[in-house]
Amino acid sequence: MASTLYAAIIGVDGSGKSTCFRETLKSLARTHTVVGIGDNILLGEKDTGITEFNKVHLGRLKKALRNIVKTVRNPLLYKITKLMELICRVNIQKDVFENYRPQVILGDGAPLINSIGWGIRYHPQFFEHDQCLKAIFYLSRKKKIPSSQTSFYLRNIPEIFLINRLRLASFSVPDITFFLRVTPEVAIKRITARGEELQVHETLSFLEKLQNSYSLICNILDSDLGKEVNEISVDNLSINEVVNIIVKRIKSCSRKNEP
């Protein structure tokens, strides 16, 4: 049996990430069985195209949390709800992988990268290369936080401690990551053009810091964990051009997973 390839498209708001996710999913569904995990859980198959995948547990809870995330204005409540949604996504992905085994799982974002990226944004004094690498091991539960570090994590980064020690989720490391890099000024322009009310985090300063956080994590995935990361500068590329790059690489990697 072929193994499932876990691919993730990451990028700050305004990078085109979610649009690329949807178009990539459509393209892959012509030849592959693929489950897309984003705002909704979607199944792509050659005979039926893209449909909502309603068989997974926690699907309704995830959707409710996502609706709260999009409307909440309080920064602390936003942070808590966002983390809950990411934990929900992780457990949905585990369910999909263990019970359905599609050829590809495609993520609109990656909970592991998103969580640590936001951690760097909120706690920059506690995150540099070595601490980020530890966070990857702890969130993926490859390692247990040692008792000697309990006080540090409870005092400074309780989210990582609770996920690790309470076994709330095991955050998977993507087999292949596509990092859509966008100039923050271009991102803000694109967000404003939507005509929607800006979310609490959609500021030039925040997007710049978050993108730098993603860059650090991707470097660690590549250099320390040997995972493939494709950085794509999207300022001057059309959605179709970006999607073509992503689809071509996923199909190539998927073939390698075939028996």
C-alpha atoms as a PDB file:
ATOM      1  CA  MET A   1       0.000   0.000   0.000  1.00  0.00           C
ATOM      2  CA  ALA A   2       1.286   3.463  -0.892  1.00  0.00           C
ATOM      3  CA  SER A   3       1.919   5.791   2.016  1.00  0.00           C
ATOM      4  CA  THR A   4       0.083   9.089   2.422  1.00  0.00           C
ATOM      5  CA  LEU A   5       1.989  12.248   1.518  1.00  0.00           C
ATOM      6  CA  TYR A   6       1.374  15.183   3.854  1.00  0.00           C
ATOM      7  CA  ALA A   7       1.876  18.487   2.025  1.00  0.00           C
ATOM      8  CA  ALA A   8       1.204  21.924   3.484  1.00  0.00           C
ATOM      9  CA  ILE A   9       0.904  25.379   1.956  1.00  0.00           C
ATOM     10  CA  ILE A  10       1.857  28.106   4.432  1.00  0.00           C
ATOM     11  CA  GLY A  11       2.022  31.877   4.252  1.00  0.00           C
ATOM     12  CA  VAL A  12       0.732  34.978   5.986  1.00  0.00           C
ATOM     13  CA  ASP A  13      -2.650  36.510   5.164  1.00  0.00           C
ATOM     14  CA  GLY A  14      -2.497  38.096   1.732  1.00  0.00           C
ATOM     15  CA  SER A  15      -0.015  35.571   0.336  1.00  0.00           C
ATOM     16  CA  GLY A  16      -2.733  33.770  -1.632  1.00  0.00           C
ATOM     17  CA  LYS A  17      -2.359  30.664   0.518  1.00  0.00           C
ATOM     18  CA  SER A  18      -6.031  29.694   0.776  1.00  0.00           C
ATOM     19  CA  THR A  19      -6.734  30.330  -2.913  1.00  0.00           C
ATOM     20  CA  CYS A  20      -3.696  28.250  -3.887  1.00  0.00           C
ATOM     21  CA  PHE A  21      -4.875  25.538  -1.507  1.00  0.00           C
ATOM     22  CA  ARG A  22      -8.291  25.329  -3.188  1.00  0.00           C
ATOM     23  CA  GLU A  23      -6.904  25.366  -6.721  1.00  0.00           C
ATOM     24  CA  THR A  24      -4.193  22.824  -5.874  1.00  0.00           C
ATOM     25  CA  LEU A  25      -6.836  20.557  -4.369  1.00  0.00           C
ATOM     26  CA  LYS A  26      -8.928  20.773  -7.551  1.00  0.00           C
ATOM     27  CA  SER A  27      -5.936  19.992  -9.751  1.00  0.00           C
ATOM     28  CA  LEU A  28      -4.750  17.046  -7.656  1.00  0.00           C
ATOM     29  CA  ALA A  29      -8.272  15.579  -7.530  1.00  0.00           C
ATOM     30  CA  ARG A  30      -8.090  14.889 -11.264  1.00  0.00           C
ATOM     31  CA  THR A  31      -5.489  12.186 -10.653  1.00  0.00           C
ATOM     32  CA  HIS A  32      -5.273  11.555  -6.902  1.00  0.00           C
ATOM     33  CA  THR A  33      -7.433  10.840  -3.898  1.00  0.00           C
ATOM     34  CA  VAL A  34      -6.726  13.853  -1.716  1.00  0.00           C
ATOM     35  CA  VAL A  35      -8.154  15.229   1.508  1.00  0.00           C
ATOM     36  CA  GLY A  36      -7.809  18.969   2.018  1.00  0.00           C
ATOM     37  CA  ILE A  37      -7.785  20.311   5.572  1.00  0.00           C
ATOM     38  CA  GLY A  38      -8.518  24.028   5.721  1.00  0.00           C
ATOM     39  CA  ASP A  39     -11.571  26.062   6.757  1.00  0.00           C
ATOM     40  CA  ASN A  40     -13.546  22.997   5.650  1.00  0.00           C
ATOM     41  CA  ILE A  41     -12.545  19.353   5.285  1.00  0.00           C
ATOM     42  CA  LEU A  42     -12.720  18.475   1.598  1.00  0.00           C
ATOM     43  CA  LEU A  43     -12.381  15.225  -0.330  1.00  0.00           C
ATOM     44  CA  GLY A  44     -11.073  15.219  -3.884  1.00  0.00           C
ATOM     45  CA  GLU A  45     -11.511  12.180  -6.116  1.00  0.00           C
ATOM     46  CA  LYS A  46     -11.212  11.606  -9.843  1.00  0.00           C
ATOM     47  CA  ASP A  47     -14.829  10.504 -10.356  1.00  0.00           C
ATOM     48  CA  THR A  48     -16.623  12.964  -8.065  1.00  0.00           C
ATOM     49  CA  GLY A  49     -14.418  16.070  -7.932  1.00  0.00           C
ATOM     50  CA  ILE A  50     -14.351  18.119  -4.701  1.00  0.00           C
ATOM     51  CA  THR A  51     -16.955  17.403  -2.021  1.00  0.00           C
ATOM     52  CA  GLU A  52     -17.205  18.200   1.681  1.00  0.00           C
ATOM     53  CA  PHE A  53     -15.821  15.340   3.741  1.00  0.00           C
ATOM     54  CA  ASN A  54     -18.326  14.795   6.555  1.00  0.00           C
ATOM     55  CA  LYS A  55     -17.051  11.489   7.917  1.00  0.00           C
ATOM     56  CA  VAL A  56     -14.389  12.896  10.236  1.00  0.00           C
ATOM     57  CA  HIS A  57     -14.871  13.472  13.941  1.00  0.00           C
ATOM     58  CA  LEU A  58     -14.598  17.052  15.237  1.00  0.00           C
ATOM     59  CA  GLY A  59     -15.568  18.547  11.874  1.00  0.00           C
ATOM     60  CA  ARG A  60     -18.429  20.608  13.293  1.00  0.00           C
ATOM     61  CA  LEU A  61     -16.375  21.771  16.262  1.00  0.00           C
ATOM     62  CA  LYS A  62     -13.583  22.915  13.983  1.00  0.00           C
ATOM     63  CA  LYS A  63     -16.025  24.871  11.822  1.00  0.00           C
ATOM     64  CA  ALA A  64     -17.516  26.584  14.898  1.00  0.00           C
ATOM     65  CA  LEU A  65     -14.074  27.542  16.193  1.00  0.00           C
ATOM     66  CA  ARG A  66     -13.120  28.914  12.784  1.00  0.00           C
ATOM     67  CA  ASN A  67     -16.207  31.146  12.751  1.00  0.00           C
ATOM     68  CA  ILE A  68     -15.229  32.534  16.157  1.00  0.00           C
ATOM     69  CA  VAL A  69     -11.643  33.155  15.019  1.00  0.00           C
ATOM     70  CA  LYS A  70     -12.879  35.237  12.088  1.00  0.00           C
ATOM     71  CA  THR A  71     -15.007  37.537  14.222  1.00  0.00           C
ATOM     72  CA  VAL A  72     -13.363  37.842  17.644  1.00  0.00           C
ATOM     73  CA  ARG A  73     -11.696  41.174  18.414  1.00  0.00           C
ATOM     74  CA  ASN A  74     -10.073  40.445  21.780  1.00  0.00           C
ATOM     75  CA  PRO A  75      -6.393  39.452  21.200  1.00  0.00           C
ATOM     76  CA  LEU A  76      -6.264  36.948  24.093  1.00  0.00           C
ATOM     77  CA  LEU A  77      -9.535  35.278  23.096  1.00  0.00           C
ATOM     78  CA  TYR A  78      -8.315  35.176  19.494  1.00  0.00           C
ATOM     79  CA  LYS A  79      -5.101  33.458  20.580  1.00  0.00           C
ATOM     80  CA  ILE A  80      -6.924  30.841  22.691  1.00  0.00           C
ATOM     81  CA  THR A  81      -9.553  30.092  20.053  1.00  0.00           C
ATOM     82  CA  LYS A  82      -6.940  29.868  17.307  1.00  0.00           C
ATOM     83  CA  LEU A  83      -4.929  27.338  19.313  1.00  0.00           C
ATOM     84  CA  MET A  84      -8.059  25.262  19.974  1.00  0.00           C
ATOM     85  CA  GLU A  85      -8.831  25.247  16.264  1.00  0.00           C
ATOM     86  CA  LEU A  86      -5.289  24.112  15.430  1.00  0.00           C
ATOM     87  CA  ILE A  87      -5.517  21.270  17.968  1.00  0.00           C
ATOM     88  CA  CYS A  88      -8.834  20.272  16.409  1.00  0.00           C
ATOM     89  CA  ARG A  89      -7.234  20.256  12.944  1.00  0.00           C
ATOM     90  CA  VAL A  90      -4.395  18.038  14.154  1.00  0.00           C
ATOM     91  CA  ASN A  91      -6.814  15.430  15.483  1.00  0.00           C
ATOM     92  CA  ILE A  92      -8.899  15.570  12.297  1.00  0.00           C
ATOM     93  CA  GLN A  93      -5.749  14.938  10.265  1.00  0.00           C
ATOM     94  CA  LYS A  94      -4.886  11.975  12.463  1.00  0.00           C
ATOM     95  CA  ASP A  95      -8.376  10.548  11.918  1.00  0.00           C
ATOM     96  CA  VAL A  96      -8.083  10.991   8.140  1.00  0.00           C
ATOM     97  CA  PHE A  97      -4.652   9.382   8.025  1.00  0.00           C
ATOM     98  CA  GLU A  98      -5.493   6.396  10.215  1.00  0.00           C
ATOM     99  CA  ASN A  99      -8.955   5.594   8.847  1.00  0.00           C
ATOM    100  CA  TYR A 100      -9.007   6.722   5.205  1.00  0.00           C
ATOM    101  CA  ARG A 101      -5.414   6.783   3.928  1.00  0.00           C
ATOM    102  CA  PRO A 102      -5.767   9.132   0.923  1.00  0.00           C
ATOM    103  CA  GLN A 103      -2.790   9.455  -1.422  1.00  0.00           C
ATOM    104  CA  VAL A 104      -2.306  13.065  -0.332  1.00  0.00           C
ATOM    105  CA  ILE A 105      -3.332  15.129   2.680  1.00  0.00           C
ATOM    106  CA  LEU A 106      -3.103  18.805   1.738  1.00  0.00           C
ATOM    107  CA  GLY A 107      -3.104  21.456   4.446  1.00  0.00           C
ATOM    108  CA  ASP A 108      -4.201  25.062   4.152  1.00  0.00           C
ATOM    109  CA  GLY A 109      -1.455  25.988   6.589  1.00  0.00           C
ATOM    110  CA  ALA A 110       0.250  23.527   8.934  1.00  0.00           C
ATOM    111  CA  PRO A 111      -0.754  23.449  12.625  1.00  0.00           C
ATOM    112  CA  LEU A 112       2.822  22.740  13.742  1.00  0.00           C
ATOM    113  CA  ILE A 113       4.298  25.657  11.785  1.00  0.00           C
ATOM    114  CA  ASN A 114       1.385  27.969  12.587  1.00  0.00           C
ATOM    115  CA  SER A 115       1.576  27.274  16.328  1.00  0.00           C
ATOM    116  CA  ILE A 116       5.310  27.826  16.632  1.00  0.00           C
ATOM    117  CA  GLY A 117       5.184  30.810  14.286  1.00  0.00           C
ATOM    118  CA  TRP A 118       2.609  32.500  16.468  1.00  0.00           C
ATOM    119  CA  GLY A 119       4.604  31.471  19.541  1.00  0.00           C
ATOM    120  CA  ILE A 120       7.624  33.318  18.201  1.00  0.00           C
ATOM    121  CA  ARG A 121       5.409  36.331  17.576  1.00  0.00           C
ATOM    122  CA  TYR A 122       3.975  36.362  21.107  1.00  0.00           C
ATOM    123  CA  HIS A 123       7.066  35.157  22.989  1.00  0.00           C
ATOM    124  CA  PRO A 124      10.105  36.257  20.932  1.00  0.00           C
ATOM    125  CA  GLN A 125      12.362  36.177  23.982  1.00  0.00           C
ATOM    126  CA  PHE A 126      11.868  32.425  24.337  1.00  0.00           C
ATOM    127  CA  PHE A 127      12.217  31.342  20.726  1.00  0.00           C
ATOM    128  CA  GLU A 128      15.473  31.042  18.845  1.00  0.00           C
ATOM    129  CA  HIS A 129      16.817  28.125  16.841  1.00  0.00           C
ATOM    130  CA  ASP A 130      17.323  25.601  19.653  1.00  0.00           C
ATOM    131  CA  GLN A 131      14.065  26.462  21.413  1.00  0.00           C
ATOM    132  CA  CYS A 132      12.122  26.193  18.141  1.00  0.00           C
ATOM    133  CA  LEU A 133      13.622  22.777  17.490  1.00  0.00           C
ATOM    134  CA  LYS A 134      12.598  21.659  20.984  1.00  0.00           C
ATOM    135  CA  ALA A 135       9.085  23.014  20.383  1.00  0.00           C
ATOM    136  CA  ILE A 136       8.817  20.895  17.231  1.00  0.00           C
ATOM    137  CA  PHE A 137       9.788  17.771  19.177  1.00  0.00           C
ATOM    138  CA  TYR A 138       7.431  18.601  22.060  1.00  0.00           C
ATOM    139  CA  LEU A 139       4.398  19.501  19.919  1.00  0.00           C
ATOM    140  CA  SER A 140       4.889  16.404  17.751  1.00  0.00           C
ATOM    141  CA  ARG A 141       5.384  14.447  21.002  1.00  0.00           C
ATOM    142  CA  LYS A 142       8.613  12.944  19.748  1.00  0.00           C
ATOM    143  CA  LYS A 143      10.016  13.969  23.117  1.00  0.00           C
ATOM    144  CA  LYS A 144       8.506  14.601  26.527  1.00  0.00           C
ATOM    145  CA  ILE A 145       9.187  17.883  28.282  1.00  0.00           C
ATOM    146  CA  PRO A 146      11.573  16.949  31.113  1.00  0.00           C
ATOM    147  CA  SER A 147      10.453  17.553  34.692  1.00  0.00           C
ATOM    148  CA  SER A 148      13.299  20.014  35.155  1.00  0.00           C
ATOM    149  CA  GLN A 149      11.700  22.241  32.482  1.00  0.00           C
ATOM    150  CA  THR A 150       8.140  22.100  33.851  1.00  0.00           C
ATOM    151  CA  SER A 151       8.370  25.408  35.694  1.00  0.00           C
ATOM    152  CA  PHE A 152       9.864  27.218  32.677  1.00  0.00           C
ATOM    153  CA  TYR A 153       7.126  26.083  30.290  1.00  0.00           C
ATOM    154  CA  LEU A 154       4.240  26.624  32.704  1.00  0.00           C
ATOM    155  CA  ARG A 155       5.487  30.122  33.441  1.00  0.00           C
ATOM    156  CA  ASN A 156       6.410  31.177  29.912  1.00  0.00           C
ATOM    157  CA  ILE A 157       4.873  28.920  27.218  1.00  0.00           C
ATOM    158  CA  PRO A 158       2.086  26.927  28.920  1.00  0.00           C
ATOM    159  CA  GLU A 159       0.492  25.992  25.585  1.00  0.00           C
ATOM    160  CA  ILE A 160       3.395  23.713  24.660  1.00  0.00           C
ATOM    161  CA  PHE A 161       3.437  22.120  28.107  1.00  0.00           C
ATOM    162  CA  LEU A 162      -0.298  21.365  28.083  1.00  0.00           C
ATOM    163  CA  ILE A 163      -0.241  19.885  24.573  1.00  0.00           C
ATOM    164  CA  ASN A 164       2.807  17.752  25.370  1.00  0.00           C
ATOM    165  CA  ARG A 165       1.921  16.535  28.855  1.00  0.00           C
ATOM    166  CA  LEU A 166      -1.854  16.228  28.481  1.00  0.00           C
ATOM    167  CA  ARG A 167      -1.487  14.517  25.083  1.00  0.00           C
ATOM    168  CA  LEU A 168      -4.009  16.871  23.504  1.00  0.00           C
ATOM    169  CA  ALA A 169      -2.563  16.258  20.036  1.00  0.00           C
ATOM    170  CA  SER A 170       0.504  15.117  18.111  1.00  0.00           C
ATOM    171  CA  PHE A 171       1.367  17.826  15.616  1.00  0.00           C
ATOM    172  CA  SER A 172       2.678  16.260  12.399  1.00  0.00           C
ATOM    173  CA  VAL A 173       5.681  17.632  10.527  1.00  0.00           C
ATOM    174  CA  PRO A 174       4.773  18.052   6.836  1.00  0.00           C
ATOM    175  CA  ASP A 175       6.616  15.817   4.393  1.00  0.00           C
ATOM    176  CA  ILE A 176       6.802  18.797   2.058  1.00  0.00           C
ATOM    177  CA  THR A 177       6.060  22.467   2.767  1.00  0.00           C
ATOM    178  CA  PHE A 178       5.348  25.262   0.310  1.00  0.00           C
ATOM    179  CA  PHE A 179       6.142  28.629   1.893  1.00  0.00           C
ATOM    180  CA  LEU A 180       4.498  31.476  -0.019  1.00  0.00           C
ATOM    181  CA  ARG A 181       6.605  34.540   0.727  1.00  0.00           C
ATOM    182  CA  VAL A 182       4.970  37.910   0.090  1.00  0.00           C
ATOM    183  CA  THR A 183       6.133  41.468   0.729  1.00  0.00           C
ATOM    184  CA  PRO A 184       4.068  42.623   3.761  1.00  0.00           C
ATOM    185  CA  GLU A 185       2.998  45.808   1.965  1.00  0.00           C
ATOM    186  CA  VAL A 186       1.668  43.707  -0.922  1.00  0.00           C
ATOM    187  CA  ALA A 187      -0.120  41.432   1.547  1.00  0.00           C
ATOM    188  CA  ILE A 188      -1.902  44.366   3.234  1.00  0.00           C
ATOM    189  CA  LYS A 189      -2.965  45.709  -0.168  1.00  0.00           C
ATOM    190  CA  ARG A 190      -4.474  42.354  -1.097  1.00  0.00           C
ATOM    191  CA  ILE A 191      -6.251  41.999   2.255  1.00  0.00           C
ATOM    192  CA  THR A 192      -7.717  45.504   2.015  1.00  0.00           C
ATOM    193  CA  ALA A 193      -8.919  44.808  -1.539  1.00  0.00           C
ATOM    194  CA  ARG A 194     -11.209  42.067  -0.199  1.00  0.00           C
ATOM    195  CA  GLY A 195     -13.457  44.760   1.240  1.00  0.00           C
ATOM    196  CA  GLU A 196     -13.815  42.889   4.527  1.00  0.00           C
ATOM    197  CA  GLU A 197     -13.133  44.108   8.049  1.00  0.00           C
ATOM    198  CA  LEU A 198      -9.517  43.439   9.003  1.00  0.00           C
ATOM    199  CA  GLN A 199      -8.930  40.756  11.621  1.00  0.00           C
ATOM    200  CA  VAL A 200      -7.145  41.724  14.826  1.00  0.00           C
ATOM    201  CA  HIS A 201      -3.757  40.462  13.630  1.00  0.00           C
ATOM    202  CA  GLU A 202      -3.830  41.876  10.103  1.00  0.00           C
ATOM    203  CA  THR A 203      -1.318  44.682  10.487  1.00  0.00           C
ATOM    204  CA  LEU A 204       1.891  45.399   8.582  1.00  0.00           C
ATOM    205  CA  SER A 205       4.046  44.854  11.685  1.00  0.00           C
ATOM    206  CA  PHE A 206       2.387  41.570  12.638  1.00  0.00           C
ATOM    207  CA  LEU A 207       2.545  40.097   9.130  1.00  0.00           C
ATOM    208  CA  GLU A 208       6.228  40.969   8.811  1.00  0.00           C
ATOM    209  CA  LYS A 209       7.103  39.372  12.160  1.00  0.00           C
ATOM    210  CA  LEU A 210       4.975  36.290  11.500  1.00  0.00           C
ATOM    211  CA  GLN A 211       6.538  35.774   8.080  1.00  0.00           C
ATOM    212  CA  ASN A 212      10.016  35.977   9.628  1.00  0.00           C
ATOM    213  CA  SER A 213       8.870  33.380  12.160  1.00  0.00           C
ATOM    214  CA  TYR A 214       7.752  31.028   9.395  1.00  0.00           C
ATOM    215  CA  SER A 215      11.096  31.516   7.683  1.00  0.00           C
ATOM    216  CA  LEU A 216      12.981  30.444  10.827  1.00  0.00           C
ATOM    217  CA  ILE A 217      10.824  27.338  11.253  1.00  0.00           C
ATOM    218  CA  CYS A 218      11.175  26.347   7.599  1.00  0.00           C
ATOM    219  CA  ASN A 219      14.957  26.648   7.867  1.00  0.00           C
ATOM    220  CA  ILE A 220      14.866  24.283  10.848  1.00  0.00           C
ATOM    221  CA  LEU A 221      12.635  21.786   9.023  1.00  0.00           C
ATOM    222  CA  ASP A 222      15.084  21.801   6.132  1.00  0.00           C
ATOM    223  CA  SER A 223      18.460  21.917   7.882  1.00  0.00           C
ATOM    224  CA  ASP A 224      17.753  19.983  11.093  1.00  0.00           C
ATOM    225  CA  LEU A 225      14.975  17.572  10.159  1.00  0.00           C
ATOM    226  CA  GLY A 226      15.725  17.008   6.472  1.00  0.00           C
ATOM    227  CA  LYS A 227      12.193  17.890   5.372  1.00  0.00           C
ATOM    228  CA  GLU A 228      11.625  19.465   1.971  1.00  0.00           C
ATOM    229  CA  VAL A 229      10.687  23.148   1.966  1.00  0.00           C
ATOM    230  CA  ASN A 230       9.914  25.067  -1.218  1.00  0.00           C
ATOM    231  CA  GLU A 231       9.935  28.833  -0.757  1.00  0.00           C
ATOM    232  CA  ILE A 232       8.006  30.645  -3.492  1.00  0.00           C
ATOM    233  CA  SER A 233       8.137  34.442  -3.838  1.00  0.00           C
ATOM    234  CA  VAL A 234       4.599  35.264  -4.910  1.00  0.00           C
ATOM    235  CA  ASP A 235       4.573  39.065  -5.342  1.00  0.00           C
ATOM    236  CA  ASN A 236       4.793  38.855  -9.129  1.00  0.00           C
ATOM    237  CA  LEU A 237       3.327  35.416  -9.779  1.00  0.00           C
ATOM    238  CA  SER A 238      -0.256  34.618 -10.716  1.00  0.00           C
ATOM    239  CA  ILE A 239      -2.243  32.088  -8.714  1.00  0.00           C
ATOM    240  CA  ASN A 240      -2.043  29.670 -11.653  1.00  0.00           C
ATOM    241  CA  GLU A 241       1.744  29.939 -11.770  1.00  0.00           C
ATOM    242  CA  VAL A 242       2.048  29.224  -8.047  1.00  0.00           C
ATOM    243  CA  VAL A 243      -0.419  26.340  -8.222  1.00  0.00           C
ATOM    244  CA  ASN A 244       1.433  24.778 -11.160  1.00  0.00           C
ATOM    245  CA  ILE A 245       4.682  24.821  -9.162  1.00  0.00           C
ATOM    246  CA  ILE A 246       2.992  23.185  -6.168  1.00  0.00           C
ATOM    247  CA  VAL A 247       1.055  20.549  -8.095  1.00  0.00           C
ATOM    248  CA  LYS A 248       4.069  19.490 -10.155  1.00  0.00           C
ATOM    249  CA  ARG A 249       6.164  18.947  -7.028  1.00  0.00           C
ATOM    250  CA  ILE A 250       3.438  17.120  -5.081  1.00  0.00           C
ATOM    251  CA  LYS A 251       2.813  14.744  -7.982  1.00  0.00           C
ATOM    252  CA  SER A 252       6.521  14.021  -8.217  1.00  0.00           C
ATOM    253  CA  CYS A 253       6.750  13.267  -4.487  1.00  0.00           C
ATOM    254  CA  SER A 254       3.544  11.232  -4.561  1.00  0.00           C
ATOM    255  CA  ARG A 255       4.969   8.972  -7.264  1.00  0.00           C
ATOM    256  CA  LYS A 256       7.930   8.225  -5.005  1.00  0.00           C
ATOM    257  CA  ASN A 257       5.485   7.015  -2.345  1.00  0.00           C
ATOM    258  CA  GLU A 258       3.888   4.499  -4.667  1.00  0.00           C
ATOM    259  CA  PRO A 259       4.795   0.837  -4.046  1.00  0.00           C
END
